[in-house]
Amino acid sequence: MKALILLSLIIIYPALTEAEINNLQNGKNNFNNKYAIDNLISCLTSENQGVKRQGVYFAGLYKVDESVDYLIDIIKNQNNDEVQKLAVLSLLRIDSPKGIKFLKKFTVESDNTDLQKLSSFVYLDDASMK
């Protein structure tokens, strides 16, 4: 387990440093390091659940717009409720119109009641902020 966490941090480390520098410079996240984005997407498409979970977390933390389609795919097709719920929260943090529109639609169409409730709370929370 420790090896998997270390491996995921090694893969994502360029993303962390670039995002932190941008965050300190102008107060918002400009995530534009192509290699870091490629590494993050590799984590999101990984078969390893721990690596995927870390990728989902960092996609939301650093508001990576390029990850929205992958997060939507994780919510639709993943069998792990924890990773799906984390992906819903990451979509909220990214605040992409496409992601919020998906959450609105997913709230109505989901078979998983826990995920449906979380999606509705996230969507309603986002709607109330605007």
N, C-alpha and C. Protein backbone atom coordinates (compact mmCIF):
# COMPACT_ATOMS: atom_id res chain seq x y z
N MET A 1 0.82 -1.19 0.00
CA MET A 1 0.00 0.00 0.00
C MET A 1 0.87 1.26 0.00
N LYS A 2 1.91 1.26 0.84
CA LYS A 2 2.80 2.41 0.88
C LYS A 2 3.48 2.62 -0.47
N ALA A 3 3.81 1.51 -1.13
CA ALA A 3 4.46 1.60 -2.44
C ALA A 3 3.52 2.22 -3.47
N LEU A 4 2.23 1.90 -3.40
CA LEU A 4 1.27 2.46 -4.34
C LEU A 4 1.09 3.96 -4.12
N ILE A 5 1.03 4.36 -2.88
CA ILE A 5 0.89 5.79 -2.58
C ILE A 5 2.14 6.54 -3.03
N LEU A 6 3.30 5.97 -2.77
CA LEU A 6 4.55 6.59 -3.21
C LEU A 6 4.59 6.69 -4.72
N LEU A 7 4.17 5.64 -5.41
CA LEU A 7 4.16 5.65 -6.87
C LEU A 7 3.22 6.72 -7.40
N SER A 8 2.03 6.85 -6.81
CA SER A 8 1.10 7.86 -7.28
C SER A 8 1.63 9.27 -7.03
N LEU A 9 2.32 9.48 -5.92
CA LEU A 9 2.89 10.81 -5.66
C LEU A 9 4.04 11.11 -6.62
N ILE A 10 4.81 10.09 -6.98
CA ILE A 10 5.89 10.30 -7.94
C ILE A 10 5.32 10.67 -9.30
N ILE A 11 4.22 10.03 -9.66
CA ILE A 11 3.59 10.33 -10.94
C ILE A 11 3.00 11.73 -10.94
N ILE A 12 2.40 12.14 -9.84
CA ILE A 12 1.69 13.41 -9.77
C ILE A 12 2.59 14.56 -9.31
N TYR A 13 3.79 14.30 -8.83
CA TYR A 13 4.64 15.34 -8.26
C TYR A 13 4.82 16.56 -9.18
N PRO A 14 5.05 16.38 -10.49
CA PRO A 14 5.17 17.59 -11.33
C PRO A 14 3.93 18.45 -11.28
N ALA A 15 2.77 17.83 -11.18
CA ALA A 15 1.52 18.58 -11.09
C ALA A 15 1.47 19.38 -9.80
N LEU A 16 1.91 18.80 -8.73
CA LEU A 16 1.86 19.48 -7.44
C LEU A 16 2.73 20.73 -7.44
N THR A 17 3.95 20.60 -7.91
CA THR A 17 4.86 21.74 -7.86
C THR A 17 4.40 22.86 -8.78
N GLU A 18 3.98 22.55 -10.00
CA GLU A 18 3.53 23.57 -10.94
C GLU A 18 2.29 24.28 -10.43
N ALA A 19 1.35 23.52 -9.92
CA ALA A 19 0.10 24.12 -9.44
C ALA A 19 0.35 24.99 -8.21
N GLU A 20 1.23 24.56 -7.31
CA GLU A 20 1.52 25.36 -6.13
C GLU A 20 2.19 26.68 -6.50
N ILE A 21 3.11 26.65 -7.46
CA ILE A 21 3.77 27.88 -7.89
C ILE A 21 2.75 28.84 -8.48
N ASN A 22 1.87 28.35 -9.36
CA ASN A 22 0.85 29.20 -9.95
C ASN A 22 -0.12 29.72 -8.90
N ASN A 23 -0.46 28.89 -7.95
CA ASN A 23 -1.39 29.29 -6.91
C ASN A 23 -0.82 30.42 -6.07
N LEU A 24 0.45 30.36 -5.76
CA LEU A 24 1.08 31.40 -4.96
C LEU A 24 1.27 32.69 -5.75
N GLN A 25 1.46 32.59 -7.06
CA GLN A 25 1.72 33.78 -7.84
C GLN A 25 0.48 34.65 -8.05
N ASN A 26 -0.65 34.04 -8.38
CA ASN A 26 -1.79 34.88 -8.74
C ASN A 26 -3.09 34.51 -8.03
N GLY A 27 -3.04 33.65 -7.05
CA GLY A 27 -4.22 33.36 -6.27
C GLY A 27 -5.24 32.43 -6.90
N LYS A 28 -4.98 31.97 -8.11
CA LYS A 28 -5.89 31.00 -8.72
C LYS A 28 -5.07 29.94 -9.45
N ASN A 29 -5.71 28.84 -9.73
CA ASN A 29 -5.00 27.72 -10.33
C ASN A 29 -4.97 27.84 -11.85
N ASN A 30 -3.78 27.94 -12.40
CA ASN A 30 -3.57 27.84 -13.83
C ASN A 30 -2.78 26.57 -14.07
N PHE A 31 -3.47 25.52 -14.31
CA PHE A 31 -2.84 24.22 -14.45
C PHE A 31 -2.54 24.02 -15.92
N ASN A 32 -1.29 24.27 -16.34
CA ASN A 32 -0.99 24.22 -17.76
C ASN A 32 0.25 23.39 -18.09
N ASN A 33 0.74 22.62 -17.19
CA ASN A 33 1.88 21.76 -17.45
C ASN A 33 1.38 20.50 -18.17
N LYS A 34 1.71 20.39 -19.46
CA LYS A 34 1.19 19.30 -20.28
C LYS A 34 1.58 17.93 -19.73
N TYR A 35 2.80 17.80 -19.27
CA TYR A 35 3.26 16.50 -18.75
C TYR A 35 2.55 16.14 -17.45
N ALA A 36 2.31 17.12 -16.63
CA ALA A 36 1.58 16.85 -15.39
C ALA A 36 0.14 16.46 -15.68
N ILE A 37 -0.48 17.11 -16.66
CA ILE A 37 -1.84 16.77 -17.04
C ILE A 37 -1.88 15.35 -17.61
N ASP A 38 -0.91 15.01 -18.45
CA ASP A 38 -0.84 13.65 -18.99
C ASP A 38 -0.68 12.62 -17.87
N ASN A 39 0.16 12.92 -16.89
CA ASN A 39 0.34 12.01 -15.75
C ASN A 39 -0.95 11.87 -14.94
N LEU A 40 -1.63 12.98 -14.76
CA LEU A 40 -2.89 12.95 -14.01
C LEU A 40 -3.94 12.12 -14.74
N ILE A 41 -4.02 12.28 -16.04
CA ILE A 41 -4.97 11.50 -16.84
C ILE A 41 -4.60 10.02 -16.80
N SER A 42 -3.31 9.72 -16.78
CA SER A 42 -2.88 8.32 -16.63
C SER A 42 -3.37 7.75 -15.31
N CYS A 43 -3.34 8.56 -14.26
CA CYS A 43 -3.85 8.11 -12.96
C CYS A 43 -5.35 7.88 -13.02
N LEU A 44 -6.07 8.76 -13.70
CA LEU A 44 -7.53 8.64 -13.79
C LEU A 44 -7.96 7.42 -14.59
N THR A 45 -7.13 6.97 -15.50
CA THR A 45 -7.47 5.80 -16.32
C THR A 45 -6.81 4.52 -15.81
N SER A 46 -6.12 4.59 -14.70
CA SER A 46 -5.43 3.44 -14.14
C SER A 46 -6.42 2.39 -13.64
N GLU A 47 -6.00 1.14 -13.70
CA GLU A 47 -6.81 0.04 -13.15
C GLU A 47 -6.66 -0.05 -11.64
N ASN A 48 -5.58 0.50 -11.11
CA ASN A 48 -5.32 0.47 -9.68
C ASN A 48 -6.21 1.49 -8.98
N GLN A 49 -7.05 1.03 -8.06
CA GLN A 49 -8.02 1.90 -7.40
C GLN A 49 -7.37 3.00 -6.56
N GLY A 50 -6.25 2.69 -5.91
CA GLY A 50 -5.57 3.69 -5.10
C GLY A 50 -5.00 4.82 -5.94
N VAL A 51 -4.40 4.47 -7.06
CA VAL A 51 -3.85 5.47 -7.97
C VAL A 51 -4.98 6.30 -8.57
N LYS A 52 -6.07 5.63 -8.95
CA LYS A 52 -7.22 6.34 -9.52
C LYS A 52 -7.81 7.31 -8.50
N ARG A 53 -7.92 6.87 -7.26
CA ARG A 53 -8.48 7.72 -6.20
C ARG A 53 -7.61 8.98 -6.01
N GLN A 54 -6.30 8.80 -6.01
CA GLN A 54 -5.40 9.95 -5.87
C GLN A 54 -5.54 10.90 -7.06
N GLY A 55 -5.67 10.33 -8.27
CA GLY A 55 -5.86 11.15 -9.46
C GLY A 55 -7.14 11.96 -9.40
N VAL A 56 -8.21 11.34 -8.95
CA VAL A 56 -9.50 12.04 -8.82
C VAL A 56 -9.37 13.17 -7.81
N TYR A 57 -8.72 12.88 -6.69
CA TYR A 57 -8.55 13.89 -5.65
C TYR A 57 -7.76 15.09 -6.17
N PHE A 58 -6.63 14.84 -6.81
CA PHE A 58 -5.79 15.93 -7.30
C PHE A 58 -6.42 16.68 -8.47
N ALA A 59 -7.24 16.00 -9.27
CA ALA A 59 -7.95 16.68 -10.36
C ALA A 59 -8.89 17.74 -9.78
N GLY A 60 -9.56 17.41 -8.69
CA GLY A 60 -10.45 18.38 -8.05
C GLY A 60 -9.70 19.44 -7.28
N LEU A 61 -8.63 19.02 -6.61
CA LEU A 61 -7.86 19.97 -5.80
C LEU A 61 -7.26 21.08 -6.65
N TYR A 62 -6.73 20.71 -7.80
CA TYR A 62 -6.07 21.69 -8.68
C TYR A 62 -6.94 22.14 -9.84
N LYS A 63 -8.21 21.74 -9.82
CA LYS A 63 -9.21 22.22 -10.78
C LYS A 63 -8.74 22.06 -12.22
N VAL A 64 -8.42 20.83 -12.58
CA VAL A 64 -7.91 20.52 -13.90
C VAL A 64 -9.08 20.33 -14.86
N ASP A 65 -9.32 21.30 -15.73
CA ASP A 65 -10.44 21.25 -16.66
C ASP A 65 -10.35 20.06 -17.61
N GLU A 66 -9.14 19.66 -17.96
CA GLU A 66 -8.96 18.55 -18.90
C GLU A 66 -9.42 17.21 -18.33
N SER A 67 -9.65 17.15 -17.04
CA SER A 67 -10.04 15.89 -16.40
C SER A 67 -11.55 15.70 -16.31
N VAL A 68 -12.34 16.66 -16.72
CA VAL A 68 -13.80 16.59 -16.54
C VAL A 68 -14.38 15.37 -17.24
N ASP A 69 -13.99 15.12 -18.48
CA ASP A 69 -14.54 13.96 -19.20
C ASP A 69 -14.17 12.65 -18.51
N TYR A 70 -12.97 12.56 -17.99
CA TYR A 70 -12.53 11.36 -17.29
C TYR A 70 -13.29 11.17 -15.97
N LEU A 71 -13.55 12.27 -15.28
CA LEU A 71 -14.31 12.18 -14.03
C LEU A 71 -15.76 11.75 -14.30
N ILE A 72 -16.33 12.27 -15.37
CA ILE A 72 -17.68 11.86 -15.75
C ILE A 72 -17.71 10.37 -16.07
N ASP A 73 -16.70 9.90 -16.78
CA ASP A 73 -16.61 8.48 -17.11
C ASP A 73 -16.48 7.62 -15.84
N ILE A 74 -15.70 8.11 -14.88
CA ILE A 74 -15.55 7.38 -13.62
C ILE A 74 -16.89 7.30 -12.88
N ILE A 75 -17.63 8.38 -12.87
CA ILE A 75 -18.93 8.38 -12.18
C ILE A 75 -19.89 7.41 -12.87
N LYS A 76 -19.88 7.38 -14.18
CA LYS A 76 -20.79 6.51 -14.92
C LYS A 76 -20.43 5.03 -14.80
N ASN A 77 -19.14 4.70 -14.88
CA ASN A 77 -18.73 3.32 -15.08
C ASN A 77 -18.00 2.65 -13.93
N GLN A 78 -17.62 3.39 -12.91
CA GLN A 78 -16.84 2.82 -11.81
C GLN A 78 -17.75 2.03 -10.87
N ASN A 79 -17.23 0.95 -10.31
CA ASN A 79 -17.99 0.14 -9.37
C ASN A 79 -17.69 0.50 -7.92
N ASN A 80 -16.74 1.36 -7.68
CA ASN A 80 -16.32 1.73 -6.34
C ASN A 80 -17.03 3.02 -5.93
N ASP A 81 -17.93 2.93 -4.94
CA ASP A 81 -18.70 4.10 -4.51
C ASP A 81 -17.82 5.23 -4.00
N GLU A 82 -16.74 4.89 -3.29
CA GLU A 82 -15.86 5.93 -2.75
C GLU A 82 -15.24 6.77 -3.85
N VAL A 83 -14.77 6.12 -4.89
CA VAL A 83 -14.14 6.84 -6.00
C VAL A 83 -15.18 7.65 -6.75
N GLN A 84 -16.38 7.10 -6.91
CA GLN A 84 -17.45 7.84 -7.58
C GLN A 84 -17.83 9.10 -6.80
N LYS A 85 -17.97 8.98 -5.50
CA LYS A 85 -18.33 10.13 -4.68
C LYS A 85 -17.23 11.19 -4.71
N LEU A 86 -15.99 10.75 -4.68
CA LEU A 86 -14.87 11.69 -4.77
C LEU A 86 -14.87 12.39 -6.13
N ALA A 87 -15.24 11.67 -7.18
CA ALA A 87 -15.31 12.27 -8.52
C ALA A 87 -16.42 13.32 -8.58
N VAL A 88 -17.53 13.07 -7.92
CA VAL A 88 -18.62 14.05 -7.87
C VAL A 88 -18.12 15.34 -7.19
N LEU A 89 -17.43 15.19 -6.08
CA LEU A 89 -16.91 16.37 -5.37
C LEU A 89 -15.83 17.08 -6.18
N SER A 90 -15.03 16.32 -6.92
CA SER A 90 -14.02 16.94 -7.77
C SER A 90 -14.66 17.75 -8.89
N LEU A 91 -15.76 17.23 -9.46
CA LEU A 91 -16.47 17.99 -10.49
C LEU A 91 -16.99 19.31 -9.92
N LEU A 92 -17.46 19.29 -8.70
CA LEU A 92 -17.93 20.52 -8.07
C LEU A 92 -16.78 21.51 -7.91
N ARG A 93 -15.63 21.02 -7.47
CA ARG A 93 -14.48 21.92 -7.26
C ARG A 93 -13.98 22.51 -8.57
N ILE A 94 -14.02 21.72 -9.64
CA ILE A 94 -13.56 22.21 -10.94
C ILE A 94 -14.52 23.26 -11.47
N ASP A 95 -15.82 23.09 -11.18
CA ASP A 95 -16.86 24.05 -11.55
C ASP A 95 -16.94 24.26 -13.06
N SER A 96 -16.87 23.18 -13.79
CA SER A 96 -17.02 23.21 -15.24
C SER A 96 -18.49 23.16 -15.60
N PRO A 97 -18.94 23.98 -16.55
CA PRO A 97 -20.35 23.91 -16.94
C PRO A 97 -20.76 22.51 -17.41
N LYS A 98 -19.87 21.84 -18.12
CA LYS A 98 -20.16 20.48 -18.59
C LYS A 98 -20.34 19.52 -17.41
N GLY A 99 -19.48 19.64 -16.40
CA GLY A 99 -19.56 18.78 -15.23
C GLY A 99 -20.81 19.02 -14.42
N ILE A 100 -21.18 20.28 -14.24
CA ILE A 100 -22.39 20.62 -13.48
C ILE A 100 -23.64 20.17 -14.23
N LYS A 101 -23.63 20.33 -15.55
CA LYS A 101 -24.76 19.86 -16.36
C LYS A 101 -24.90 18.34 -16.24
N PHE A 102 -23.77 17.63 -16.25
CA PHE A 102 -23.81 16.18 -16.08
C PHE A 102 -24.38 15.81 -14.72
N LEU A 103 -23.97 16.51 -13.67
CA LEU A 103 -24.48 16.20 -12.32
C LEU A 103 -25.98 16.41 -12.23
N LYS A 104 -26.47 17.45 -12.88
CA LYS A 104 -27.91 17.70 -12.89
C LYS A 104 -28.64 16.53 -13.55
N LYS A 105 -28.13 16.08 -14.68
CA LYS A 105 -28.74 14.96 -15.40
C LYS A 105 -28.59 13.66 -14.62
N PHE A 106 -27.44 13.47 -14.02
CA PHE A 106 -27.14 12.24 -13.28
C PHE A 106 -28.01 12.12 -12.04
N THR A 107 -28.38 13.24 -11.44
CA THR A 107 -29.24 13.23 -10.26
C THR A 107 -30.57 12.55 -10.55
N VAL A 108 -31.07 12.72 -11.75
CA VAL A 108 -32.36 12.14 -12.13
C VAL A 108 -32.20 10.69 -12.59
N GLU A 109 -31.09 10.38 -13.28
CA GLU A 109 -30.96 9.08 -13.95
C GLU A 109 -30.23 8.00 -13.14
N SER A 110 -29.60 8.33 -12.06
CA SER A 110 -28.77 7.37 -11.33
C SER A 110 -29.61 6.30 -10.63
N ASP A 111 -29.07 5.08 -10.61
CA ASP A 111 -29.71 3.98 -9.88
C ASP A 111 -29.20 3.89 -8.45
N ASN A 112 -28.02 4.41 -8.19
CA ASN A 112 -27.40 4.37 -6.87
C ASN A 112 -27.96 5.53 -6.03
N THR A 113 -28.73 5.22 -5.01
CA THR A 113 -29.39 6.28 -4.23
C THR A 113 -28.41 7.17 -3.49
N ASP A 114 -27.34 6.59 -2.93
CA ASP A 114 -26.35 7.42 -2.22
C ASP A 114 -25.68 8.40 -3.17
N LEU A 115 -25.29 7.90 -4.33
CA LEU A 115 -24.63 8.75 -5.31
C LEU A 115 -25.61 9.78 -5.88
N GLN A 116 -26.85 9.39 -6.03
CA GLN A 116 -27.88 10.30 -6.51
C GLN A 116 -28.09 11.45 -5.52
N LYS A 117 -28.14 11.13 -4.23
CA LYS A 117 -28.31 12.17 -3.21
C LYS A 117 -27.13 13.13 -3.19
N LEU A 118 -25.91 12.57 -3.24
CA LEU A 118 -24.72 13.42 -3.23
C LEU A 118 -24.70 14.32 -4.46
N SER A 119 -25.02 13.77 -5.62
CA SER A 119 -25.05 14.57 -6.85
C SER A 119 -26.07 15.68 -6.75
N SER A 120 -27.23 15.39 -6.18
CA SER A 120 -28.26 16.43 -6.06
C SER A 120 -27.81 17.52 -5.08
N PHE A 121 -27.18 17.13 -3.97
CA PHE A 121 -26.68 18.13 -3.03
C PHE A 121 -25.62 19.01 -3.67
N VAL A 122 -24.73 18.38 -4.41
CA VAL A 122 -23.66 19.13 -5.08
C VAL A 122 -24.25 20.07 -6.11
N TYR A 123 -25.18 19.58 -6.92
CA TYR A 123 -25.79 20.43 -7.93
C TYR A 123 -26.56 21.58 -7.29
N LEU A 124 -27.36 21.29 -6.26
CA LEU A 124 -28.13 22.34 -5.60
C LEU A 124 -27.22 23.35 -4.93
N ASP A 125 -26.12 22.89 -4.35
CA ASP A 125 -25.15 23.78 -3.72
C ASP A 125 -24.54 24.70 -4.75
N ASP A 126 -24.18 24.15 -5.90
CA ASP A 126 -23.60 24.97 -6.97
C ASP A 126 -24.61 25.97 -7.50
N ALA A 127 -25.86 25.54 -7.66
CA ALA A 127 -26.90 26.43 -8.16
C ALA A 127 -27.17 27.58 -7.18
N SER A 128 -27.08 27.30 -5.90
CA SER A 128 -27.35 28.35 -4.91
C SER A 128 -26.22 29.37 -4.83
N MET A 129 -25.02 28.97 -5.24
CA MET A 129 -23.88 29.89 -5.18
C MET A 129 -23.89 30.88 -6.34
N LYS A 130 -24.62 30.57 -7.38
CA LYS A 130 -24.59 31.44 -8.57
C LYS A 130 -25.75 32.38 -8.64
